[in-house]
Amino acid sequence: MSSVAARVLRGCRSLLAPASRATSYVVSSSRSVSTATAGATKKSAAKSKSKPKPKTKSDSPAKKTPRSTGIFKATPVSPALAQFLGTGETTRTDAVKEIWSYVKSHDLQNPADKREIICDEKLKQIFEGKDKVGFLEITKLLSPHFVKTA
């Protein structure tokens, strides 16, 4: 194999090797590689490892204004849910948060299965009279309580 072909092969190996191996291989390779080339490879490897700056709160304008669409839109609720929440209009997310805080404060989670809620009289009014409700059912059972506005 000629010396030119050997240099090309070594160069390809260093390009395909992981970054930490590539810089050490270039530095420790044969005498034909100059120290200036090895130094340039180290600098380029150091530049590629730099992390992007994390966004600050001022960079994202979407978080400055509260959302008022979809599940974040305040809508009128049924009388049963209004009595439970204490307000006639709320967002879906706030309703779920209030129900979870009520469940946690009154210790209504099934101790054997934390994903299951044991309903008391207040929750039975909201959840169609069910004795037990899974946490994935909450939003489905709350849906009829939100009055659709056109």
N, C-alpha and C. Protein backbone atom coordinates (compact mmCIF):
# COMPACT_ATOMS: atom_id res chain seq x y z
N MET A 1 0.86 -1.17 0.00
CA MET A 1 0.00 0.00 0.00
C MET A 1 0.90 1.23 0.00
N SER A 2 0.56 2.21 -0.80
CA SER A 2 1.39 3.41 -0.90
C SER A 2 1.18 4.29 0.33
N SER A 3 2.07 5.23 0.51
CA SER A 3 1.98 6.11 1.69
C SER A 3 0.78 7.06 1.58
N VAL A 4 0.40 7.44 0.36
CA VAL A 4 -0.76 8.31 0.17
C VAL A 4 -2.04 7.55 0.54
N ALA A 5 -2.14 6.31 0.09
CA ALA A 5 -3.32 5.50 0.40
C ALA A 5 -3.41 5.24 1.90
N ALA A 6 -2.28 5.05 2.55
CA ALA A 6 -2.27 4.81 4.00
C ALA A 6 -2.77 6.04 4.74
N ARG A 7 -2.36 7.24 4.31
CA ARG A 7 -2.83 8.47 4.95
C ARG A 7 -4.33 8.67 4.77
N VAL A 8 -4.83 8.35 3.57
CA VAL A 8 -6.26 8.50 3.31
C VAL A 8 -7.04 7.53 4.20
N LEU A 9 -6.59 6.30 4.30
CA LEU A 9 -7.25 5.31 5.12
C LEU A 9 -7.27 5.73 6.59
N ARG A 10 -6.15 6.23 7.09
CA ARG A 10 -6.09 6.71 8.48
C ARG A 10 -7.03 7.89 8.68
N GLY A 11 -7.12 8.77 7.71
CA GLY A 11 -8.02 9.92 7.81
C GLY A 11 -9.47 9.48 7.87
N CYS A 12 -9.82 8.48 7.07
CA CYS A 12 -11.20 7.97 7.09
C CYS A 12 -11.52 7.32 8.41
N ARG A 13 -10.58 6.59 8.96
CA ARG A 13 -10.80 5.95 10.26
C ARG A 13 -11.04 6.99 11.34
N SER A 14 -10.27 8.06 11.29
CA SER A 14 -10.42 9.08 12.33
C SER A 14 -11.74 9.83 12.18
N LEU A 15 -12.23 9.96 10.95
CA LEU A 15 -13.51 10.63 10.74
C LEU A 15 -14.68 9.76 11.20
N LEU A 16 -14.56 8.45 11.01
CA LEU A 16 -15.64 7.55 11.37
C LEU A 16 -15.61 7.14 12.84
N ALA A 17 -14.52 7.34 13.51
CA ALA A 17 -14.42 6.97 14.92
C ALA A 17 -15.17 7.97 15.78
N PRO A 18 -15.58 7.58 17.00
CA PRO A 18 -16.22 8.53 17.91
C PRO A 18 -15.29 9.70 18.20
N ALA A 19 -15.84 10.81 18.63
CA ALA A 19 -15.08 12.06 18.78
C ALA A 19 -13.88 11.90 19.71
N SER A 20 -14.02 11.22 20.84
CA SER A 20 -12.90 11.10 21.77
C SER A 20 -11.79 10.24 21.18
N ARG A 21 -12.16 9.20 20.44
CA ARG A 21 -11.16 8.36 19.81
C ARG A 21 -10.51 9.08 18.64
N ALA A 22 -11.27 9.86 17.92
CA ALA A 22 -10.75 10.53 16.72
C ALA A 22 -9.64 11.49 17.09
N THR A 23 -9.81 12.27 18.15
CA THR A 23 -8.77 13.23 18.50
C THR A 23 -7.54 12.52 19.01
N SER A 24 -7.69 11.45 19.79
CA SER A 24 -6.52 10.76 20.30
C SER A 24 -5.81 10.00 19.17
N TYR A 25 -6.56 9.48 18.19
CA TYR A 25 -5.96 8.75 17.10
C TYR A 25 -5.15 9.69 16.21
N VAL A 26 -5.67 10.87 15.96
CA VAL A 26 -4.97 11.82 15.11
C VAL A 26 -3.68 12.26 15.79
N VAL A 27 -3.75 12.48 17.08
CA VAL A 27 -2.56 12.94 17.80
C VAL A 27 -1.51 11.83 17.84
N SER A 28 -1.94 10.58 18.03
CA SER A 28 -0.98 9.50 18.18
C SER A 28 -0.68 8.77 16.87
N SER A 29 -1.18 9.25 15.75
CA SER A 29 -0.94 8.57 14.47
C SER A 29 0.50 8.79 14.02
N SER A 30 0.82 8.29 12.86
CA SER A 30 2.21 8.28 12.38
C SER A 30 2.81 9.67 12.25
N ARG A 31 4.07 9.72 11.95
CA ARG A 31 4.82 10.96 11.89
C ARG A 31 4.37 11.87 10.76
N SER A 32 3.65 11.35 9.79
CA SER A 32 3.28 12.17 8.65
C SER A 32 2.22 13.22 9.00
N VAL A 33 1.51 13.06 10.11
CA VAL A 33 0.51 14.04 10.52
C VAL A 33 1.24 15.10 11.34
N SER A 34 1.06 16.36 10.96
CA SER A 34 1.75 17.43 11.67
C SER A 34 1.00 17.79 12.95
N THR A 35 1.65 18.47 13.85
CA THR A 35 1.01 18.86 15.11
C THR A 35 -0.02 19.94 14.89
N ALA A 36 0.11 20.73 13.83
CA ALA A 36 -0.88 21.77 13.54
C ALA A 36 -2.21 21.13 13.16
N THR A 37 -2.18 20.05 12.41
CA THR A 37 -3.41 19.35 12.03
C THR A 37 -4.06 18.73 13.26
N ALA A 38 -3.25 18.17 14.14
CA ALA A 38 -3.80 17.56 15.35
C ALA A 38 -4.45 18.62 16.23
N GLY A 39 -3.83 19.79 16.33
CA GLY A 39 -4.40 20.87 17.14
C GLY A 39 -5.71 21.37 16.56
N ALA A 40 -5.81 21.44 15.24
CA ALA A 40 -7.03 21.90 14.59
C ALA A 40 -8.16 20.90 14.82
N THR A 41 -7.81 19.61 14.84
CA THR A 41 -8.83 18.59 15.08
C THR A 41 -9.36 18.69 16.50
N LYS A 42 -8.49 18.96 17.45
CA LYS A 42 -8.92 19.12 18.84
C LYS A 42 -9.85 20.31 18.99
N LYS A 43 -9.52 21.41 18.32
CA LYS A 43 -10.36 22.61 18.42
C LYS A 43 -11.73 22.38 17.82
N SER A 44 -11.78 21.70 16.67
CA SER A 44 -13.07 21.45 16.04
C SER A 44 -13.90 20.48 16.87
N ALA A 45 -13.25 19.53 17.53
CA ALA A 45 -13.98 18.60 18.40
C ALA A 45 -14.52 19.33 19.61
N ALA A 46 -13.76 20.29 20.13
CA ALA A 46 -14.21 21.06 21.29
C ALA A 46 -15.40 21.94 20.92
N LYS A 47 -15.39 22.49 19.70
CA LYS A 47 -16.51 23.32 19.26
C LYS A 47 -17.78 22.50 19.09
N SER A 48 -17.66 21.27 18.62
CA SER A 48 -18.85 20.45 18.38
C SER A 48 -19.50 19.99 19.68
N LYS A 49 -18.76 20.01 20.79
CA LYS A 49 -19.31 19.57 22.06
C LYS A 49 -20.05 20.67 22.81
N SER A 50 -20.01 21.91 22.33
CA SER A 50 -20.66 22.99 23.05
C SER A 50 -22.16 22.80 23.05
N LYS A 51 -22.79 23.12 24.18
CA LYS A 51 -24.22 22.92 24.35
C LYS A 51 -24.97 24.17 23.92
N PRO A 52 -26.16 23.99 23.34
CA PRO A 52 -26.96 25.17 22.98
C PRO A 52 -27.48 25.86 24.24
N LYS A 53 -27.67 27.16 24.14
CA LYS A 53 -28.16 27.92 25.29
C LYS A 53 -29.60 27.56 25.57
N PRO A 54 -29.94 27.35 26.84
CA PRO A 54 -31.36 27.10 27.15
C PRO A 54 -32.15 28.38 27.01
N LYS A 55 -33.41 28.23 26.58
CA LYS A 55 -34.25 29.41 26.39
C LYS A 55 -34.64 29.98 27.73
N THR A 56 -34.66 31.28 27.80
CA THR A 56 -35.12 31.94 29.01
C THR A 56 -36.61 32.21 28.87
N LYS A 57 -37.21 32.63 29.96
CA LYS A 57 -38.65 32.88 29.94
C LYS A 57 -39.01 34.04 29.00
N SER A 58 -38.11 34.98 28.83
CA SER A 58 -38.41 36.12 27.96
C SER A 58 -38.36 35.74 26.48
N ASP A 59 -37.71 34.59 26.14
CA ASP A 59 -37.62 34.17 24.75
C ASP A 59 -38.93 33.62 24.20
N SER A 60 -39.79 33.07 25.05
CA SER A 60 -41.02 32.44 24.56
C SER A 60 -42.22 33.35 24.82
N PRO A 61 -42.75 33.98 23.77
CA PRO A 61 -43.87 34.90 23.96
C PRO A 61 -45.18 34.18 24.24
N ALA A 62 -45.28 32.89 23.94
CA ALA A 62 -46.53 32.15 24.14
C ALA A 62 -46.89 32.02 25.61
N LYS A 63 -45.89 32.00 26.49
CA LYS A 63 -46.17 31.82 27.90
C LYS A 63 -46.55 33.12 28.59
N LYS A 64 -46.36 34.23 27.95
CA LYS A 64 -46.70 35.51 28.56
C LYS A 64 -48.21 35.72 28.63
N THR A 65 -48.91 35.29 27.60
CA THR A 65 -50.35 35.49 27.57
C THR A 65 -51.05 34.19 27.92
N PRO A 66 -52.05 34.24 28.79
CA PRO A 66 -52.77 33.01 29.12
C PRO A 66 -53.61 32.54 27.93
N ARG A 67 -53.67 31.26 27.76
CA ARG A 67 -54.43 30.71 26.63
C ARG A 67 -55.92 30.77 26.95
N SER A 68 -56.71 30.95 25.92
CA SER A 68 -58.15 31.00 26.12
C SER A 68 -58.87 30.18 25.06
N THR A 69 -58.27 29.06 24.66
CA THR A 69 -58.90 28.18 23.68
C THR A 69 -58.81 26.75 24.18
N GLY A 70 -59.64 25.89 23.62
CA GLY A 70 -59.59 24.47 23.95
C GLY A 70 -59.90 24.19 25.40
N ILE A 71 -59.05 23.39 26.05
CA ILE A 71 -59.29 23.04 27.44
C ILE A 71 -58.96 24.18 28.39
N PHE A 72 -58.34 25.22 27.90
CA PHE A 72 -58.00 26.38 28.72
C PHE A 72 -59.07 27.47 28.66
N LYS A 73 -60.11 27.24 27.90
CA LYS A 73 -61.17 28.23 27.74
C LYS A 73 -62.18 28.08 28.88
N ALA A 74 -62.49 29.17 29.53
CA ALA A 74 -63.48 29.14 30.60
C ALA A 74 -64.87 29.00 29.99
N THR A 75 -65.59 27.96 30.41
CA THR A 75 -66.93 27.70 29.88
C THR A 75 -67.90 27.50 31.03
N PRO A 76 -69.19 27.74 30.80
CA PRO A 76 -70.18 27.49 31.84
C PRO A 76 -70.28 25.99 32.15
N VAL A 77 -70.58 25.67 33.41
CA VAL A 77 -70.67 24.27 33.82
C VAL A 77 -72.08 23.96 34.33
N SER A 78 -72.37 22.68 34.46
CA SER A 78 -73.68 22.24 34.94
C SER A 78 -73.87 22.65 36.40
N PRO A 79 -75.10 22.67 36.87
CA PRO A 79 -75.35 23.04 38.27
C PRO A 79 -74.66 22.11 39.28
N ALA A 80 -74.59 20.81 38.98
CA ALA A 80 -73.94 19.87 39.90
C ALA A 80 -72.46 20.17 40.04
N LEU A 81 -71.80 20.41 38.92
CA LEU A 81 -70.36 20.73 38.96
C LEU A 81 -70.14 22.12 39.53
N ALA A 82 -71.05 23.05 39.24
CA ALA A 82 -70.93 24.40 39.79
C ALA A 82 -71.04 24.39 41.31
N GLN A 83 -71.90 23.53 41.85
CA GLN A 83 -72.03 23.42 43.30
C GLN A 83 -70.76 22.83 43.91
N PHE A 84 -70.18 21.85 43.24
CA PHE A 84 -68.95 21.22 43.73
C PHE A 84 -67.78 22.21 43.70
N LEU A 85 -67.64 22.93 42.59
CA LEU A 85 -66.51 23.85 42.43
C LEU A 85 -66.72 25.18 43.12
N GLY A 86 -67.97 25.58 43.27
CA GLY A 86 -68.26 26.88 43.88
C GLY A 86 -68.26 28.01 42.88
N THR A 87 -68.24 27.70 41.60
CA THR A 87 -68.28 28.72 40.55
C THR A 87 -69.06 28.18 39.35
N GLY A 88 -69.70 29.07 38.63
CA GLY A 88 -70.53 28.67 37.49
C GLY A 88 -69.78 28.56 36.19
N GLU A 89 -68.51 28.98 36.16
CA GLU A 89 -67.71 28.96 34.94
C GLU A 89 -66.27 28.63 35.29
N THR A 90 -65.68 27.70 34.56
CA THR A 90 -64.30 27.31 34.82
C THR A 90 -63.70 26.65 33.58
N THR A 91 -62.40 26.43 33.60
CA THR A 91 -61.73 25.70 32.52
C THR A 91 -61.72 24.22 32.87
N ARG A 92 -61.53 23.40 31.86
CA ARG A 92 -61.49 21.95 32.11
C ARG A 92 -60.29 21.57 32.98
N THR A 93 -59.18 22.21 32.75
CA THR A 93 -57.99 21.89 33.54
C THR A 93 -58.18 22.26 35.00
N ASP A 94 -58.80 23.40 35.25
CA ASP A 94 -59.04 23.80 36.64
C ASP A 94 -60.02 22.87 37.33
N ALA A 95 -61.02 22.38 36.59
CA ALA A 95 -61.99 21.46 37.16
C ALA A 95 -61.31 20.16 37.58
N VAL A 96 -60.44 19.64 36.72
CA VAL A 96 -59.73 18.40 37.04
C VAL A 96 -58.80 18.63 38.23
N LYS A 97 -58.12 19.78 38.28
CA LYS A 97 -57.25 20.09 39.40
C LYS A 97 -58.02 20.15 40.71
N GLU A 98 -59.20 20.79 40.69
CA GLU A 98 -60.01 20.89 41.90
C GLU A 98 -60.48 19.51 42.36
N ILE A 99 -60.86 18.66 41.42
CA ILE A 99 -61.30 17.31 41.80
C ILE A 99 -60.15 16.52 42.40
N TRP A 100 -58.96 16.63 41.80
CA TRP A 100 -57.81 15.91 42.35
C TRP A 100 -57.43 16.44 43.73
N SER A 101 -57.50 17.74 43.93
CA SER A 101 -57.17 18.26 45.26
C SER A 101 -58.20 17.80 46.29
N TYR A 102 -59.47 17.71 45.89
CA TYR A 102 -60.53 17.20 46.78
C TYR A 102 -60.26 15.73 47.11
N VAL A 103 -59.91 14.94 46.11
CA VAL A 103 -59.64 13.51 46.32
C VAL A 103 -58.46 13.32 47.25
N LYS A 104 -57.40 14.08 47.04
CA LYS A 104 -56.20 13.95 47.87
C LYS A 104 -56.47 14.42 49.30
N SER A 105 -57.20 15.53 49.46
CA SER A 105 -57.43 16.07 50.80
C SER A 105 -58.38 15.18 51.62
N HIS A 106 -59.30 14.48 50.96
CA HIS A 106 -60.22 13.61 51.67
C HIS A 106 -59.79 12.13 51.63
N ASP A 107 -58.59 11.87 51.13
CA ASP A 107 -58.00 10.53 51.08
C ASP A 107 -58.96 9.53 50.43
N LEU A 108 -59.38 9.82 49.21
CA LEU A 108 -60.35 8.99 48.51
C LEU A 108 -59.73 8.05 47.49
N GLN A 109 -58.41 8.00 47.40
CA GLN A 109 -57.77 7.07 46.49
C GLN A 109 -57.76 5.67 47.12
N ASN A 110 -57.95 4.66 46.28
CA ASN A 110 -57.90 3.29 46.74
C ASN A 110 -56.46 2.99 47.15
N PRO A 111 -56.20 2.57 48.39
CA PRO A 111 -54.82 2.33 48.81
C PRO A 111 -54.15 1.19 48.04
N ALA A 112 -54.92 0.22 47.59
CA ALA A 112 -54.35 -0.89 46.84
C ALA A 112 -54.02 -0.50 45.40
N ASP A 113 -54.84 0.39 44.83
CA ASP A 113 -54.64 0.83 43.45
C ASP A 113 -54.83 2.35 43.40
N LYS A 114 -53.74 3.08 43.40
CA LYS A 114 -53.80 4.55 43.48
C LYS A 114 -54.45 5.18 42.25
N ARG A 115 -54.63 4.41 41.18
CA ARG A 115 -55.27 4.94 39.98
C ARG A 115 -56.79 4.96 40.10
N GLU A 116 -57.30 4.44 41.19
CA GLU A 116 -58.74 4.32 41.37
C GLU A 116 -59.21 5.26 42.48
N ILE A 117 -60.34 5.92 42.24
CA ILE A 117 -60.90 6.86 43.20
C ILE A 117 -62.18 6.25 43.77
N ILE A 118 -62.29 6.24 45.08
CA ILE A 118 -63.50 5.79 45.74
C ILE A 118 -64.37 7.03 45.96
N CYS A 119 -65.52 7.08 45.33
CA CYS A 119 -66.36 8.28 45.33
C CYS A 119 -67.17 8.41 46.61
N ASP A 120 -67.20 9.61 47.16
CA ASP A 120 -68.12 9.92 48.26
C ASP A 120 -69.38 10.54 47.64
N GLU A 121 -70.27 11.05 48.48
CA GLU A 121 -71.55 11.57 47.97
C GLU A 121 -71.37 12.75 47.01
N LYS A 122 -70.43 13.64 47.31
CA LYS A 122 -70.20 14.80 46.43
C LYS A 122 -69.72 14.36 45.05
N LEU A 123 -68.79 13.41 45.02
CA LEU A 123 -68.25 12.95 43.74
C LEU A 123 -69.25 12.09 42.97
N LYS A 124 -70.12 11.38 43.68
CA LYS A 124 -71.13 10.56 42.99
C LYS A 124 -72.09 11.44 42.19
N GLN A 125 -72.36 12.66 42.67
CA GLN A 125 -73.22 13.58 41.93
C GLN A 125 -72.59 13.97 40.61
N ILE A 126 -71.29 14.09 40.59
CA ILE A 126 -70.58 14.50 39.38
C ILE A 126 -70.33 13.31 38.46
N PHE A 127 -69.98 12.17 39.03
CA PHE A 127 -69.55 11.00 38.25
C PHE A 127 -70.66 9.97 38.04
N GLU A 128 -71.86 10.42 37.74
CA GLU A 128 -72.99 9.58 37.35
C GLU A 128 -73.33 8.50 38.37
N GLY A 129 -73.10 8.75 39.66
CA GLY A 129 -73.47 7.82 40.71
C GLY A 129 -72.55 6.61 40.85
N LYS A 130 -71.39 6.62 40.23
CA LYS A 130 -70.46 5.49 40.30
C LYS A 130 -69.78 5.46 41.67
N ASP A 131 -69.53 4.25 42.18
CA ASP A 131 -68.83 4.08 43.45
C ASP A 131 -67.32 4.24 43.30
N LYS A 132 -66.78 3.74 42.18
CA LYS A 132 -65.35 3.81 41.91
C LYS A 132 -65.14 4.35 40.50
N VAL A 133 -64.13 5.20 40.36
CA VAL A 133 -63.81 5.81 39.08
C VAL A 133 -62.30 5.70 38.87
N GLY A 134 -61.88 5.30 37.68
CA GLY A 134 -60.46 5.29 37.33
C GLY A 134 -60.02 6.70 36.97
N PHE A 135 -58.74 6.99 37.17
CA PHE A 135 -58.28 8.36 36.92
C PHE A 135 -58.35 8.75 35.45
N LEU A 136 -58.35 7.77 34.56
CA LEU A 136 -58.47 8.08 33.14
C LEU A 136 -59.91 8.41 32.74
N GLU A 137 -60.86 8.04 33.59
CA GLU A 137 -62.27 8.30 33.30
C GLU A 137 -62.71 9.70 33.70
N ILE A 138 -61.92 10.39 34.48
CA ILE A 138 -62.36 11.68 35.03
C ILE A 138 -62.76 12.66 33.94
N THR A 139 -61.92 12.86 32.97
CA THR A 139 -62.23 13.84 31.92
C THR A 139 -63.43 13.41 31.09
N LYS A 140 -63.57 12.11 30.88
CA LYS A 140 -64.71 11.60 30.11
C LYS A 140 -66.01 11.84 30.88
N LEU A 141 -65.98 11.63 32.20
CA LEU A 141 -67.18 11.81 33.00
C LEU A 141 -67.49 13.29 33.25
N LEU A 142 -66.48 14.15 33.15
CA LEU A 142 -66.71 15.59 33.32
C LEU A 142 -67.23 16.25 32.06
N SER A 143 -67.01 15.64 30.92
CA SER A 143 -67.39 16.24 29.65
C SER A 143 -68.85 16.67 29.56
N PRO A 144 -69.82 15.87 30.02
CA PRO A 144 -71.22 16.32 29.92
C PRO A 144 -71.55 17.51 30.82
N HIS A 145 -70.70 17.80 31.80
CA HIS A 145 -70.95 18.91 32.71
C HIS A 145 -70.57 20.26 32.12
N PHE A 146 -69.81 20.25 31.03
CA PHE A 146 -69.43 21.51 30.38
C PHE A 146 -70.43 21.82 29.27
N VAL A 147 -71.12 22.94 29.43
CA VAL A 147 -72.14 23.35 28.47
C VAL A 147 -71.44 23.85 27.22
N LYS A 148 -71.86 23.31 26.08
CA LYS A 148 -71.26 23.73 24.81
C LYS A 148 -71.86 25.05 24.37
N THR A 149 -70.98 26.01 24.07
CA THR A 149 -71.43 27.31 23.56
C THR A 149 -71.06 27.40 22.09
N ALA A 150 -71.92 28.02 21.33
CA ALA A 150 -71.68 28.10 19.89
C ALA A 150 -70.89 29.31 19.50
